[in-house]
Amino acid sequence: MIDRIIRFLKREPLSKEVAKNRLKLVIIQDRLGVEPDIVDVLKDEIIGVLTKYFEIDTDQVDVSLHREEGSVALVASIPILSMKERLRGKAAQNR
């Protein structure tokens, strides 16, 4: 019984949901005049900056545009694994 619940909660999104989300992103990008590859460029630059300070899981980074209540937001989900050691040393020195 518990296995069924876990499988249900972990299931992959339906292909129609994935297609719907992609279409929303394309519409937002079109209305803003944003070229489709600009989000990928932004993602790469954000990763570049954050990796100076943190160890991150680059395979799990998700950056997208979302439209809410008449405005558009850049939303990023970036799994941080740890802080870089050199920064920990600097923080300890400043105490």
PDB file of N, CA and C in Angstrom:
ATOM      1  N   MET A   1       0.820  -1.192   0.000  1.00  0.00           N
ATOM      2  CA  MET A   1       0.000   0.000   0.000  1.00  0.00           C
ATOM      3  C   MET A   1       0.867   1.259   0.000  1.00  0.00           C
ATOM      4  N   ILE A   2       1.850   1.299   0.903  1.00  0.00           N
ATOM      5  CA  ILE A   2       2.729   2.463   0.974  1.00  0.00           C
ATOM      6  C   ILE A   2       3.527   2.591  -0.315  1.00  0.00           C
ATOM      7  N   ASP A   3       3.916   1.449  -0.899  1.00  0.00           N
ATOM      8  CA  ASP A   3       4.649   1.490  -2.166  1.00  0.00           C
ATOM      9  C   ASP A   3       3.830   2.173  -3.254  1.00  0.00           C
ATOM     10  N   ARG A   4       2.549   1.907  -3.297  1.00  0.00           N
ATOM     11  CA  ARG A   4       1.672   2.553  -4.287  1.00  0.00           C
ATOM     12  C   ARG A   4       1.627   4.061  -4.089  1.00  0.00           C
ATOM     13  N   ILE A   5       1.527   4.476  -2.849  1.00  0.00           N
ATOM     14  CA  ILE A   5       1.476   5.912  -2.548  1.00  0.00           C
ATOM     15  C   ILE A   5       2.779   6.578  -2.963  1.00  0.00           C
ATOM     16  N   ILE A   6       3.893   5.953  -2.629  1.00  0.00           N
ATOM     17  CA  ILE A   6       5.197   6.516  -2.993  1.00  0.00           C
ATOM     18  C   ILE A   6       5.335   6.601  -4.507  1.00  0.00           C
ATOM     19  N   ARG A   7       4.944   5.541  -5.220  1.00  0.00           N
ATOM     20  CA  ARG A   7       5.009   5.572  -6.693  1.00  0.00           C
ATOM     21  C   ARG A   7       4.113   6.668  -7.245  1.00  0.00           C
ATOM     22  N   PHE A   8       2.933   6.841  -6.654  1.00  0.00           N
ATOM     23  CA  PHE A   8       2.009   7.876  -7.112  1.00  0.00           C
ATOM     24  C   PHE A   8       2.618   9.262  -6.932  1.00  0.00           C
ATOM     25  N   LEU A   9       3.240   9.499  -5.785  1.00  0.00           N
ATOM     26  CA  LEU A   9       3.820  10.810  -5.505  1.00  0.00           C
ATOM     27  C   LEU A   9       5.074  11.086  -6.326  1.00  0.00           C
ATOM     28  N   LYS A  10       5.800  10.044  -6.692  1.00  0.00           N
ATOM     29  CA  LYS A  10       7.041  10.214  -7.441  1.00  0.00           C
ATOM     30  C   LYS A  10       6.852  10.118  -8.954  1.00  0.00           C
ATOM     31  N   ARG A  11       5.650   9.909  -9.385  1.00  0.00           N
ATOM     32  CA  ARG A  11       5.438   9.668 -10.813  1.00  0.00           C
ATOM     33  C   ARG A  11       5.880  10.870 -11.644  1.00  0.00           C
ATOM     34  N   GLU A  12       6.241  10.578 -12.858  1.00  0.00           N
ATOM     35  CA  GLU A  12       6.672  11.603 -13.800  1.00  0.00           C
ATOM     36  C   GLU A  12       5.460  12.435 -14.214  1.00  0.00           C
ATOM     37  N   PRO A  13       5.677  13.711 -14.507  1.00  0.00           N
ATOM     38  CA  PRO A  13       4.549  14.525 -14.956  1.00  0.00           C
ATOM     39  C   PRO A  13       4.006  13.992 -16.288  1.00  0.00           C
ATOM     40  N   LEU A  14       2.722  14.134 -16.467  1.00  0.00           N
ATOM     41  CA  LEU A  14       2.105  13.691 -17.707  1.00  0.00           C
ATOM     42  C   LEU A  14       2.654  14.496 -18.868  1.00  0.00           C
ATOM     43  N   SER A  15       2.742  13.857 -20.024  1.00  0.00           N
ATOM     44  CA  SER A  15       3.299  14.549 -21.185  1.00  0.00           C
ATOM     45  C   SER A  15       2.474  15.778 -21.543  1.00  0.00           C
ATOM     46  N   LYS A  16       1.161  15.743 -21.287  1.00  0.00           N
ATOM     47  CA  LYS A  16       0.346  16.922 -21.592  1.00  0.00           C
ATOM     48  C   LYS A  16       0.705  18.083 -20.672  1.00  0.00           C
ATOM     49  N   GLU A  17       1.063  17.782 -19.408  1.00  0.00           N
ATOM     50  CA  GLU A  17       1.476  18.834 -18.477  1.00  0.00           C
ATOM     51  C   GLU A  17       2.817  19.430 -18.894  1.00  0.00           C
ATOM     52  N   VAL A  18       3.730  18.577 -19.323  1.00  0.00           N
ATOM     53  CA  VAL A  18       5.034  19.054 -19.795  1.00  0.00           C
ATOM     54  C   VAL A  18       4.840  19.943 -21.017  1.00  0.00           C
ATOM     55  N   ALA A  19       4.006  19.497 -21.955  1.00  0.00           N
ATOM     56  CA  ALA A  19       3.740  20.281 -23.163  1.00  0.00           C
ATOM     57  C   ALA A  19       3.069  21.609 -22.815  1.00  0.00           C
ATOM     58  N   LYS A  20       2.145  21.588 -21.877  1.00  0.00           N
ATOM     59  CA  LYS A  20       1.451  22.809 -21.449  1.00  0.00           C
ATOM     60  C   LYS A  20       2.441  23.808 -20.852  1.00  0.00           C
ATOM     61  N   ASN A  21       3.343  23.330 -19.995  1.00  0.00           N
ATOM     62  CA  ASN A  21       4.342  24.210 -19.384  1.00  0.00           C
ATOM     63  C   ASN A  21       5.307  24.771 -20.419  1.00  0.00           C
ATOM     64  N   ARG A  22       5.694  23.958 -21.386  1.00  0.00           N
ATOM     65  CA  ARG A  22       6.578  24.443 -22.454  1.00  0.00           C
ATOM     66  C   ARG A  22       5.886  25.510 -23.282  1.00  0.00           C
ATOM     67  N   LEU A  23       4.616  25.298 -23.582  1.00  0.00           N
ATOM     68  CA  LEU A  23       3.860  26.278 -24.359  1.00  0.00           C
ATOM     69  C   LEU A  23       3.745  27.594 -23.598  1.00  0.00           C
ATOM     70  N   LYS A  24       3.492  27.522 -22.293  1.00  0.00           N
ATOM     71  CA  LYS A  24       3.433  28.744 -21.480  1.00  0.00           C
ATOM     72  C   LYS A  24       4.749  29.503 -21.557  1.00  0.00           C
ATOM     73  N   LEU A  25       5.856  28.782 -21.464  1.00  0.00           N
ATOM     74  CA  LEU A  25       7.169  29.413 -21.522  1.00  0.00           C
ATOM     75  C   LEU A  25       7.398  30.071 -22.878  1.00  0.00           C
ATOM     76  N   VAL A  26       7.014  29.394 -23.939  1.00  0.00           N
ATOM     77  CA  VAL A  26       7.172  29.953 -25.286  1.00  0.00           C
ATOM     78  C   VAL A  26       6.336  31.221 -25.440  1.00  0.00           C
ATOM     79  N   ILE A  27       5.113  31.212 -24.928  1.00  0.00           N
ATOM     80  CA  ILE A  27       4.238  32.391 -25.019  1.00  0.00           C
ATOM     81  C   ILE A  27       4.824  33.552 -24.226  1.00  0.00           C
ATOM     82  N   ILE A  28       5.312  33.281 -23.032  1.00  0.00           N
ATOM     83  CA  ILE A  28       5.923  34.341 -22.216  1.00  0.00           C
ATOM     84  C   ILE A  28       7.131  34.921 -22.928  1.00  0.00           C
ATOM     85  N   GLN A  29       7.988  34.058 -23.448  1.00  0.00           N
ATOM     86  CA  GLN A  29       9.182  34.523 -24.150  1.00  0.00           C
ATOM     87  C   GLN A  29       8.805  35.355 -25.368  1.00  0.00           C
ATOM     88  N   ASP A  30       7.775  34.930 -26.077  1.00  0.00           N
ATOM     89  CA  ASP A  30       7.334  35.657 -27.265  1.00  0.00           C
ATOM     90  C   ASP A  30       6.799  37.038 -26.893  1.00  0.00           C
ATOM     91  N   ARG A  31       5.983  37.117 -25.862  1.00  0.00           N
ATOM     92  CA  ARG A  31       5.404  38.404 -25.446  1.00  0.00           C
ATOM     93  C   ARG A  31       6.459  39.375 -24.928  1.00  0.00           C
ATOM     94  N   LEU A  32       7.499  38.838 -24.315  1.00  0.00           N
ATOM     95  CA  LEU A  32       8.569  39.691 -23.806  1.00  0.00           C
ATOM     96  C   LEU A  32       9.597  40.040 -24.876  1.00  0.00           C
ATOM     97  N   GLY A  33       9.535  39.346 -25.992  1.00  0.00           N
ATOM     98  CA  GLY A  33      10.542  39.549 -27.020  1.00  0.00           C
ATOM     99  C   GLY A  33      11.862  38.894 -26.651  1.00  0.00           C
ATOM    100  N   VAL A  34      11.802  37.868 -25.816  1.00  0.00           N
ATOM    101  CA  VAL A  34      12.999  37.155 -25.377  1.00  0.00           C
ATOM    102  C   VAL A  34      13.237  35.981 -26.316  1.00  0.00           C
ATOM    103  N   GLU A  35      14.449  35.909 -26.839  1.00  0.00           N
ATOM    104  CA  GLU A  35      14.776  34.773 -27.695  1.00  0.00           C
ATOM    105  C   GLU A  35      14.855  33.517 -26.831  1.00  0.00           C
ATOM    106  N   PRO A  36      14.435  32.372 -27.382  1.00  0.00           N
ATOM    107  CA  PRO A  36      14.382  31.141 -26.581  1.00  0.00           C
ATOM    108  C   PRO A  36      15.703  30.760 -25.918  1.00  0.00           C
ATOM    109  N   ASP A  37      16.826  31.043 -26.568  1.00  0.00           N
ATOM    110  CA  ASP A  37      18.099  30.626 -25.982  1.00  0.00           C
ATOM    111  C   ASP A  37      18.606  31.576 -24.899  1.00  0.00           C
ATOM    112  N   ILE A  38      17.956  32.727 -24.713  1.00  0.00           N
ATOM    113  CA  ILE A  38      18.421  33.679 -23.701  1.00  0.00           C
ATOM    114  C   ILE A  38      18.289  33.106 -22.291  1.00  0.00           C
ATOM    115  N   VAL A  39      17.269  32.292 -22.046  1.00  0.00           N
ATOM    116  CA  VAL A  39      17.102  31.683 -20.727  1.00  0.00           C
ATOM    117  C   VAL A  39      18.271  30.733 -20.449  1.00  0.00           C
ATOM    118  N   ASP A  40      18.715  30.014 -21.477  1.00  0.00           N
ATOM    119  CA  ASP A  40      19.871  29.130 -21.307  1.00  0.00           C
ATOM    120  C   ASP A  40      21.143  29.927 -21.026  1.00  0.00           C
ATOM    121  N   VAL A  41      21.298  31.063 -21.697  1.00  0.00           N
ATOM    122  CA  VAL A  41      22.456  31.927 -21.456  1.00  0.00           C
ATOM    123  C   VAL A  41      22.419  32.457 -20.023  1.00  0.00           C
ATOM    124  N   LEU A  42      21.248  32.916 -19.588  1.00  0.00           N
ATOM    125  CA  LEU A  42      21.090  33.390 -18.207  1.00  0.00           C
ATOM    126  C   LEU A  42      21.428  32.285 -17.206  1.00  0.00           C
ATOM    127  N   LYS A  43      20.935  31.087 -17.480  1.00  0.00           N
ATOM    128  CA  LYS A  43      21.194  29.944 -16.600  1.00  0.00           C
ATOM    129  C   LYS A  43      22.694  29.706 -16.468  1.00  0.00           C
ATOM    130  N   ASP A  44      23.403  29.700 -17.601  1.00  0.00           N
ATOM    131  CA  ASP A  44      24.849  29.470 -17.573  1.00  0.00           C
ATOM    132  C   ASP A  44      25.577  30.560 -16.791  1.00  0.00           C
ATOM    133  N   GLU A  45      25.161  31.807 -16.961  1.00  0.00           N
ATOM    134  CA  GLU A  45      25.813  32.905 -16.248  1.00  0.00           C
ATOM    135  C   GLU A  45      25.523  32.860 -14.745  1.00  0.00           C
ATOM    136  N   ILE A  46      24.297  32.523 -14.383  1.00  0.00           N
ATOM    137  CA  ILE A  46      23.947  32.396 -12.964  1.00  0.00           C
ATOM    138  C   ILE A  46      24.771  31.279 -12.325  1.00  0.00           C
ATOM    139  N   ILE A  47      24.877  30.153 -13.019  1.00  0.00           N
ATOM    140  CA  ILE A  47      25.686  29.038 -12.517  1.00  0.00           C
ATOM    141  C   ILE A  47      27.139  29.479 -12.347  1.00  0.00           C
ATOM    142  N   GLY A  48      27.656  30.223 -13.320  1.00  0.00           N
ATOM    143  CA  GLY A  48      29.034  30.699 -13.247  1.00  0.00           C
ATOM    144  C   GLY A  48      29.299  31.544 -12.019  1.00  0.00           C
ATOM    145  N   VAL A  49      28.377  32.432 -11.703  1.00  0.00           N
ATOM    146  CA  VAL A  49      28.545  33.292 -10.522  1.00  0.00           C
ATOM    147  C   VAL A  49      28.429  32.474  -9.238  1.00  0.00           C
ATOM    148  N   LEU A  50      27.417  31.636  -9.154  1.00  0.00           N
ATOM    149  CA  LEU A  50      27.186  30.887  -7.915  1.00  0.00           C
ATOM    150  C   LEU A  50      28.285  29.876  -7.616  1.00  0.00           C
ATOM    151  N   THR A  51      28.911  29.313  -8.666  1.00  0.00           N
ATOM    152  CA  THR A  51      29.966  28.329  -8.422  1.00  0.00           C
ATOM    153  C   THR A  51      31.231  28.970  -7.849  1.00  0.00           C
ATOM    154  N   LYS A  52      31.314  30.285  -7.852  1.00  0.00           N
ATOM    155  CA  LYS A  52      32.431  30.957  -7.177  1.00  0.00           C
ATOM    156  C   LYS A  52      32.292  30.818  -5.664  1.00  0.00           C
ATOM    157  N   TYR A  53      31.075  30.673  -5.190  1.00  0.00           N
ATOM    158  CA  TYR A  53      30.790  30.677  -3.759  1.00  0.00           C
ATOM    159  C   TYR A  53      30.299  29.336  -3.209  1.00  0.00           C
ATOM    160  N   PHE A  54      29.642  28.548  -4.052  1.00  0.00           N
ATOM    161  CA  PHE A  54      29.019  27.312  -3.595  1.00  0.00           C
ATOM    162  C   PHE A  54      29.340  26.157  -4.524  1.00  0.00           C
ATOM    163  N   GLU A  55      29.283  24.960  -3.954  1.00  0.00           N
ATOM    164  CA  GLU A  55      29.260  23.737  -4.751  1.00  0.00           C
ATOM    165  C   GLU A  55      27.783  23.505  -5.056  1.00  0.00           C
ATOM    166  N   ILE A  56      27.426  23.452  -6.337  1.00  0.00           N
ATOM    167  CA  ILE A  56      26.020  23.253  -6.698  1.00  0.00           C
ATOM    168  C   ILE A  56      25.868  22.038  -7.598  1.00  0.00           C
ATOM    169  N   ASP A  57      24.665  21.496  -7.612  1.00  0.00           N
ATOM    170  CA  ASP A  57      24.339  20.362  -8.478  1.00  0.00           C
ATOM    171  C   ASP A  57      23.881  20.929  -9.817  1.00  0.00           C
ATOM    172  N   THR A  58      24.824  21.100 -10.744  1.00  0.00           N
ATOM    173  CA  THR A  58      24.517  21.764 -12.012  1.00  0.00           C
ATOM    174  C   THR A  58      23.523  20.985 -12.869  1.00  0.00           C
ATOM    175  N   ASP A  59      23.429  19.677 -12.658  1.00  0.00           N
ATOM    176  CA  ASP A  59      22.478  18.878 -13.439  1.00  0.00           C
ATOM    177  C   ASP A  59      21.033  19.131 -13.027  1.00  0.00           C
ATOM    178  N   GLN A  60      20.833  19.642 -11.824  1.00  0.00           N
ATOM    179  CA  GLN A  60      19.477  19.854 -11.311  1.00  0.00           C
ATOM    180  C   GLN A  60      19.033  21.312 -11.330  1.00  0.00           C
ATOM    181  N   VAL A  61      19.846  22.194 -11.911  1.00  0.00           N
ATOM    182  CA  VAL A  61      19.496  23.617 -11.963  1.00  0.00           C
ATOM    183  C   VAL A  61      18.341  23.820 -12.936  1.00  0.00           C
ATOM    184  N   ASP A  62      17.354  24.595 -12.506  1.00  0.00           N
ATOM    185  CA  ASP A  62      16.206  24.907 -13.357  1.00  0.00           C
ATOM    186  C   ASP A  62      15.970  26.415 -13.307  1.00  0.00           C
ATOM    187  N   VAL A  63      16.028  27.052 -14.471  1.00  0.00           N
ATOM    188  CA  VAL A  63      15.778  28.485 -14.583  1.00  0.00           C
ATOM    189  C   VAL A  63      14.678  28.671 -15.618  1.00  0.00           C
ATOM    190  N   SER A  64      13.651  29.430 -15.255  1.00  0.00           N
ATOM    191  CA  SER A  64      12.542  29.629 -16.190  1.00  0.00           C
ATOM    192  C   SER A  64      11.856  30.962 -15.930  1.00  0.00           C
ATOM    193  N   LEU A  65      11.025  31.344 -16.874  1.00  0.00           N
ATOM    194  CA  LEU A  65      10.225  32.555 -16.746  1.00  0.00           C
ATOM    195  C   LEU A  65       8.802  32.154 -16.386  1.00  0.00           C
ATOM    196  N   HIS A  66       8.200  32.876 -15.448  1.00  0.00           N
ATOM    197  CA  HIS A  66       6.818  32.612 -15.043  1.00  0.00           C
ATOM    198  C   HIS A  66       6.027  33.909 -15.087  1.00  0.00           C
ATOM    199  N   ARG A  67       4.803  33.812 -15.574  1.00  0.00           N
ATOM    200  CA  ARG A  67       3.922  34.980 -15.630  1.00  0.00           C
ATOM    201  C   ARG A  67       2.908  34.871 -14.506  1.00  0.00           C
ATOM    202  N   GLU A  68       2.852  35.912 -13.682  1.00  0.00           N
ATOM    203  CA  GLU A  68       1.900  35.941 -12.575  1.00  0.00           C
ATOM    204  C   GLU A  68       1.364  37.346 -12.402  1.00  0.00           C
ATOM    205  N   GLU A  69       0.066  37.476 -12.398  1.00  0.00           N
ATOM    206  CA  GLU A  69      -0.609  38.744 -12.118  1.00  0.00           C
ATOM    207  C   GLU A  69      -0.041  39.916 -12.915  1.00  0.00           C
ATOM    208  N   GLY A  70       0.111  39.723 -14.201  1.00  0.00           N
ATOM    209  CA  GLY A  70       0.535  40.815 -15.069  1.00  0.00           C
ATOM    210  C   GLY A  70       2.018  41.100 -15.092  1.00  0.00           C
ATOM    211  N   SER A  71       2.813  40.338 -14.356  1.00  0.00           N
ATOM    212  CA  SER A  71       4.257  40.541 -14.400  1.00  0.00           C
ATOM    213  C   SER A  71       4.947  39.208 -14.676  1.00  0.00           C
ATOM    214  N   VAL A  72       6.189  39.311 -15.068  1.00  0.00           N
ATOM    215  CA  VAL A  72       6.965  38.115 -15.373  1.00  0.00           C
ATOM    216  C   VAL A  72       8.115  38.024 -14.377  1.00  0.00           C
ATOM    217  N   ALA A  73       8.347  36.817 -13.878  1.00  0.00           N
ATOM    218  CA  ALA A  73       9.426  36.596 -12.917  1.00  0.00           C
ATOM    219  C   ALA A  73      10.395  35.555 -13.460  1.00  0.00           C
ATOM    220  N   LEU A  74      11.664  35.786 -13.225  1.00  0.00           N
ATOM    221  CA  LEU A  74      12.683  34.788 -13.508  1.00  0.00           C
ATOM    222  C   LEU A  74      12.790  33.933 -12.252  1.00  0.00           C
ATOM    223  N   VAL A  75      12.514  32.648 -12.390  1.00  0.00           N
ATOM    224  CA  VAL A  75      12.504  31.744 -11.244  1.00  0.00           C
ATOM    225  C   VAL A  75      13.640  30.742 -11.411  1.00  0.00           C
ATOM    226  N   ALA A  76      14.437  30.593 -10.360  1.00  0.00           N
ATOM    227  CA  ALA A  76      15.569  29.670 -10.415  1.00  0.00           C
ATOM    228  C   ALA A  76      15.519  28.712  -9.233  1.00  0.00           C
ATOM    229  N   SER A  77      15.692  27.443  -9.528  1.00  0.00           N
ATOM    230  CA  SER A  77      15.829  26.419  -8.500  1.00  0.00           C
ATOM    231  C   SER A  77      17.240  25.859  -8.646  1.00  0.00           C
ATOM    232  N   ILE A  78      18.077  26.128  -7.640  1.00  0.00           N
ATOM    233  CA  ILE A  78      19.493  25.772  -7.730  1.00  0.00           C
ATOM    234  C   ILE A  78      19.890  25.009  -6.467  1.00  0.00           C
ATOM    235  N   PRO A  79      20.058  23.687  -6.579  1.00  0.00           N
ATOM    236  CA  PRO A  79      20.448  22.901  -5.407  1.00  0.00           C
ATOM    237  C   PRO A  79      21.884  23.225  -4.972  1.00  0.00           C
ATOM    238  N   ILE A  80      22.029  23.757  -3.765  1.00  0.00           N
ATOM    239  CA  ILE A  80      23.345  24.088  -3.219  1.00  0.00           C
ATOM    240  C   ILE A  80      23.793  22.924  -2.344  1.00  0.00           C
ATOM    241  N   LEU A  81      24.953  22.368  -2.679  1.00  0.00           N
ATOM    242  CA  LEU A  81      25.478  21.227  -1.938  1.00  0.00           C
ATOM    243  C   LEU A  81      26.294  21.668  -0.726  1.00  0.00           C
ATOM    244  N   SER A  82      27.107  22.710  -0.902  1.00  0.00           N
ATOM    245  CA  SER A  82      27.910  23.223   0.213  1.00  0.00           C
ATOM    246  C   SER A  82      28.547  24.551  -0.174  1.00  0.00           C
ATOM    247  N   MET A  83      29.098  25.230   0.834  1.00  0.00           N
ATOM    248  CA  MET A  83      29.826  26.469   0.591  1.00  0.00           C
ATOM    249  C   MET A  83      31.276  26.107   0.276  1.00  0.00           C
ATOM    250  N   LYS A  84      31.908  26.885  -0.581  1.00  0.00           N
ATOM    251  CA  LYS A  84      33.312  26.633  -0.909  1.00  0.00           C
ATOM    252  C   LYS A  84      34.169  26.831   0.336  1.00  0.00           C
ATOM    253  N   GLU A  85      35.179  26.006   0.492  1.00  0.00           N
ATOM    254  CA  GLU A  85      36.044  26.027   1.675  1.00  0.00           C
ATOM    255  C   GLU A  85      36.741  27.365   1.865  1.00  0.00           C
ATOM    256  N   ARG A  86      37.202  27.972   0.788  1.00  0.00           N
ATOM    257  CA  ARG A  86      37.933  29.237   0.913  1.00  0.00           C
ATOM    258  C   ARG A  86      37.048  30.323   1.517  1.00  0.00           C
ATOM    259  N   LEU A  87      35.754  30.255   1.270  1.00  0.00           N
ATOM    260  CA  LEU A  87      34.833  31.234   1.843  1.00  0.00           C
ATOM    261  C   LEU A  87      34.596  30.974   3.322  1.00  0.00           C
ATOM    262  N   ARG A  88      34.609  29.722   3.696  1.00  0.00           N
ATOM    263  CA  ARG A  88      34.441  29.393   5.118  1.00  0.00           C
ATOM    264  C   ARG A  88      35.604  29.954   5.919  1.00  0.00           C
ATOM    265  N   GLY A  89      36.799  29.864   5.366  1.00  0.00           N
ATOM    266  CA  GLY A  89      37.977  30.408   6.035  1.00  0.00           C
ATOM    267  C   GLY A  89      37.893  31.910   6.188  1.00  0.00           C
ATOM    268  N   LYS A  90      37.425  32.602   5.157  1.00  0.00           N
ATOM    269  CA  LYS A  90      37.274  34.060   5.217  1.00  0.00           C
ATOM    270  C   LYS A  90      36.227  34.453   6.249  1.00  0.00           C
ATOM    271  N   ALA A  91      35.136  33.706   6.302  1.00  0.00           N
ATOM    272  CA  ALA A  91      34.070  34.010   7.262  1.00  0.00           C
ATOM    273  C   ALA A  91      34.581  33.840   8.689  1.00  0.00           C
ATOM    274  N   ALA A  92      35.396  32.823   8.925  1.00  0.00           N
ATOM    275  CA  ALA A  92      35.941  32.584  10.261  1.00  0.00           C
ATOM    276  C   ALA A  92      36.917  33.694  10.653  1.00  0.00           C
ATOM    277  N   GLN A  93      37.678  34.202   9.689  1.00  0.00           N
ATOM    278  CA  GLN A  93      38.635  35.278   9.962  1.00  0.00           C
ATOM    279  C   GLN A  93      37.926  36.578  10.325  1.00  0.00           C
ATOM    280  N   ASN A  94      36.769  36.807   9.748  1.00  0.00           N
ATOM    281  CA  ASN A  94      36.031  38.050   9.971  1.00  0.00           C
ATOM    282  C   ASN A  94      35.283  38.076  11.301  1.00  0.00           C
ATOM    283  N   ARG A  95      35.242  36.985  12.002  1.00  0.00           N
ATOM    284  CA  ARG A  95      34.499  36.926  13.276  1.00  0.00           C
ATOM    285  C   ARG A  95      35.236  37.596  14.375  1.00  0.00           C
TER     286      ARG A  95
END
